[in-house]
Amino acid sequence: MQALVKEFWNEEDGLQTIEIVLIVAVVIALVTIFKGKVEEILNNAFEKVDNSLEALSSTEAPGP
């Protein structure tokens, strides 16, 4: 088993796999850490869009 791990570590494919796993782990950690802030930013953006749409729909265009 130890030989397989050592061979996997020494191969370039093994290193690429480890790099990808580490990148995914970092992305997951960042999403977990900043989840609340991202939700807040998106909620604020959607509220602004909603308010703008409500303002547009409340103003009536003059009829022909």
N, C-alpha and C. Protein backbone atom coordinates (compact mmCIF):
# COMPACT_ATOMS: atom_id res chain seq x y z
N MET A 1 0.83 -1.19 0.00
CA MET A 1 0.00 0.00 0.00
C MET A 1 0.87 1.25 0.00
N GLN A 2 1.91 1.21 0.80
CA GLN A 2 2.81 2.35 0.88
C GLN A 2 3.49 2.60 -0.47
N ALA A 3 3.81 1.53 -1.17
CA ALA A 3 4.44 1.66 -2.48
C ALA A 3 3.48 2.32 -3.47
N LEU A 4 2.20 1.96 -3.40
CA LEU A 4 1.22 2.56 -4.30
C LEU A 4 1.07 4.06 -4.03
N VAL A 5 1.05 4.44 -2.77
CA VAL A 5 0.94 5.85 -2.43
C VAL A 5 2.17 6.61 -2.91
N LYS A 6 3.34 6.02 -2.71
CA LYS A 6 4.58 6.66 -3.13
C LYS A 6 4.61 6.81 -4.66
N GLU A 7 4.20 5.77 -5.37
CA GLU A 7 4.17 5.82 -6.84
C GLU A 7 3.16 6.87 -7.32
N PHE A 8 1.99 6.89 -6.69
CA PHE A 8 0.96 7.88 -7.03
C PHE A 8 1.48 9.29 -6.80
N TRP A 9 2.21 9.50 -5.71
CA TRP A 9 2.75 10.81 -5.38
C TRP A 9 3.81 11.25 -6.39
N ASN A 10 4.62 10.31 -6.86
CA ASN A 10 5.72 10.64 -7.77
C ASN A 10 5.26 10.84 -9.21
N GLU A 11 4.12 10.28 -9.58
CA GLU A 11 3.62 10.47 -10.94
C GLU A 11 3.05 11.87 -11.10
N GLU A 12 3.14 12.41 -12.31
CA GLU A 12 2.58 13.73 -12.58
C GLU A 12 1.06 13.71 -12.47
N ASP A 13 0.44 12.64 -12.90
CA ASP A 13 -1.02 12.53 -12.79
C ASP A 13 -1.45 12.61 -11.34
N GLY A 14 -0.67 11.99 -10.48
CA GLY A 14 -0.98 12.03 -9.05
C GLY A 14 -0.90 13.44 -8.51
N LEU A 15 0.11 14.18 -8.95
CA LEU A 15 0.25 15.56 -8.49
C LEU A 15 -0.89 16.43 -9.00
N GLN A 16 -1.29 16.21 -10.23
CA GLN A 16 -2.40 16.99 -10.77
C GLN A 16 -3.69 16.70 -10.01
N THR A 17 -3.88 15.45 -9.65
CA THR A 17 -5.07 15.08 -8.88
C THR A 17 -5.04 15.75 -7.52
N ILE A 18 -3.90 15.73 -6.87
CA ILE A 18 -3.78 16.35 -5.55
C ILE A 18 -4.00 17.86 -5.66
N GLU A 19 -3.47 18.48 -6.70
CA GLU A 19 -3.67 19.92 -6.90
C GLU A 19 -5.15 20.24 -7.06
N ILE A 20 -5.85 19.46 -7.84
CA ILE A 20 -7.27 19.69 -8.07
C ILE A 20 -8.05 19.52 -6.77
N VAL A 21 -7.72 18.49 -6.01
CA VAL A 21 -8.39 18.26 -4.73
C VAL A 21 -8.15 19.43 -3.79
N LEU A 22 -6.93 19.94 -3.75
CA LEU A 22 -6.62 21.08 -2.88
C LEU A 22 -7.36 22.34 -3.32
N ILE A 23 -7.43 22.57 -4.62
CA ILE A 23 -8.14 23.74 -5.13
C ILE A 23 -9.63 23.65 -4.78
N VAL A 24 -10.21 22.48 -4.95
CA VAL A 24 -11.62 22.29 -4.62
C VAL A 24 -11.84 22.50 -3.12
N ALA A 25 -10.92 22.00 -2.30
CA ALA A 25 -11.04 22.17 -0.86
C ALA A 25 -10.99 23.65 -0.47
N VAL A 26 -10.10 24.42 -1.10
CA VAL A 26 -9.99 25.84 -0.82
C VAL A 26 -11.26 26.57 -1.25
N VAL A 27 -11.79 26.23 -2.41
CA VAL A 27 -13.01 26.87 -2.90
C VAL A 27 -14.17 26.58 -1.96
N ILE A 28 -14.29 25.34 -1.52
CA ILE A 28 -15.36 24.97 -0.59
C ILE A 28 -15.20 25.74 0.73
N ALA A 29 -13.98 25.85 1.20
CA ALA A 29 -13.73 26.59 2.45
C ALA A 29 -14.11 28.06 2.28
N LEU A 30 -13.74 28.67 1.16
CA LEU A 30 -14.08 30.07 0.93
C LEU A 30 -15.58 30.28 0.83
N VAL A 31 -16.26 29.39 0.15
CA VAL A 31 -17.72 29.49 0.03
C VAL A 31 -18.36 29.38 1.41
N THR A 32 -17.85 28.46 2.21
CA THR A 32 -18.39 28.28 3.56
C THR A 32 -18.17 29.52 4.42
N ILE A 33 -16.98 30.10 4.32
CA ILE A 33 -16.63 31.26 5.13
C ILE A 33 -17.44 32.48 4.72
N PHE A 34 -17.56 32.72 3.43
CA PHE A 34 -18.17 33.95 2.93
C PHE A 34 -19.62 33.77 2.48
N LYS A 35 -20.24 32.65 2.83
CA LYS A 35 -21.60 32.37 2.38
C LYS A 35 -22.57 33.47 2.81
N GLY A 36 -22.50 33.89 4.05
CA GLY A 36 -23.40 34.92 4.55
C GLY A 36 -23.23 36.24 3.83
N LYS A 37 -22.00 36.63 3.57
CA LYS A 37 -21.73 37.89 2.89
C LYS A 37 -22.23 37.85 1.44
N VAL A 38 -22.02 36.74 0.77
CA VAL A 38 -22.48 36.60 -0.62
C VAL A 38 -24.01 36.66 -0.66
N GLU A 39 -24.67 35.98 0.29
CA GLU A 39 -26.13 36.03 0.34
C GLU A 39 -26.62 37.46 0.56
N GLU A 40 -25.95 38.19 1.44
CA GLU A 40 -26.33 39.57 1.72
C GLU A 40 -26.19 40.45 0.47
N ILE A 41 -25.09 40.30 -0.23
CA ILE A 41 -24.86 41.09 -1.45
C ILE A 41 -25.92 40.77 -2.51
N LEU A 42 -26.20 39.48 -2.70
CA LEU A 42 -27.20 39.10 -3.70
C LEU A 42 -28.59 39.56 -3.30
N ASN A 43 -28.93 39.44 -2.03
CA ASN A 43 -30.25 39.91 -1.58
C ASN A 43 -30.40 41.41 -1.79
N ASN A 44 -29.37 42.17 -1.48
CA ASN A 44 -29.42 43.62 -1.70
C ASN A 44 -29.59 43.96 -3.18
N ALA A 45 -28.87 43.24 -4.03
CA ALA A 45 -28.96 43.49 -5.46
C ALA A 45 -30.37 43.18 -5.98
N PHE A 46 -30.93 42.06 -5.54
CA PHE A 46 -32.27 41.70 -5.99
C PHE A 46 -33.33 42.65 -5.43
N GLU A 47 -33.12 43.14 -4.22
CA GLU A 47 -34.06 44.13 -3.67
C GLU A 47 -34.04 45.41 -4.49
N LYS A 48 -32.86 45.85 -4.90
CA LYS A 48 -32.75 47.06 -5.73
C LYS A 48 -33.46 46.86 -7.06
N VAL A 49 -33.27 45.70 -7.66
CA VAL A 49 -33.93 45.41 -8.93
C VAL A 49 -35.45 45.39 -8.73
N ASP A 50 -35.90 44.74 -7.66
CA ASP A 50 -37.32 44.67 -7.37
C ASP A 50 -37.91 46.06 -7.15
N ASN A 51 -37.22 46.90 -6.38
CA ASN A 51 -37.69 48.26 -6.14
C ASN A 51 -37.75 49.07 -7.43
N SER A 52 -36.76 48.88 -8.28
CA SER A 52 -36.75 49.60 -9.56
C SER A 52 -37.91 49.16 -10.45
N LEU A 53 -38.17 47.86 -10.47
CA LEU A 53 -39.28 47.36 -11.28
C LEU A 53 -40.61 47.84 -10.73
N GLU A 54 -40.74 47.88 -9.40
CA GLU A 54 -41.99 48.38 -8.81
C GLU A 54 -42.17 49.87 -9.14
N ALA A 55 -41.09 50.63 -9.10
CA ALA A 55 -41.19 52.05 -9.43
C ALA A 55 -41.58 52.24 -10.89
N LEU A 56 -41.04 51.43 -11.77
CA LEU A 56 -41.40 51.53 -13.19
C LEU A 56 -42.84 51.14 -13.43
N SER A 57 -43.31 50.11 -12.75
CA SER A 57 -44.67 49.66 -12.99
C SER A 57 -45.71 50.57 -12.33
N SER A 58 -45.31 51.34 -11.31
CA SER A 58 -46.27 52.24 -10.66
C SER A 58 -46.47 53.52 -11.44
N THR A 59 -45.50 53.88 -12.28
CA THR A 59 -45.69 55.07 -13.11
C THR A 59 -46.40 54.66 -14.37
N GLU A 60 -47.51 55.30 -14.62
CA GLU A 60 -48.30 54.95 -15.81
C GLU A 60 -47.88 55.82 -16.97
N ALA A 61 -47.73 55.20 -18.11
CA ALA A 61 -47.41 55.95 -19.31
C ALA A 61 -48.67 56.63 -19.84
N PRO A 62 -48.55 57.84 -20.36
CA PRO A 62 -49.72 58.52 -20.90
C PRO A 62 -50.31 57.75 -22.08
N GLY A 63 -51.59 57.67 -22.13
CA GLY A 63 -52.27 56.94 -23.21
C GLY A 63 -52.25 57.71 -24.50
N PRO A 64 -52.44 57.03 -25.62
CA PRO A 64 -52.43 57.70 -26.93
C PRO A 64 -53.66 58.49 -27.21
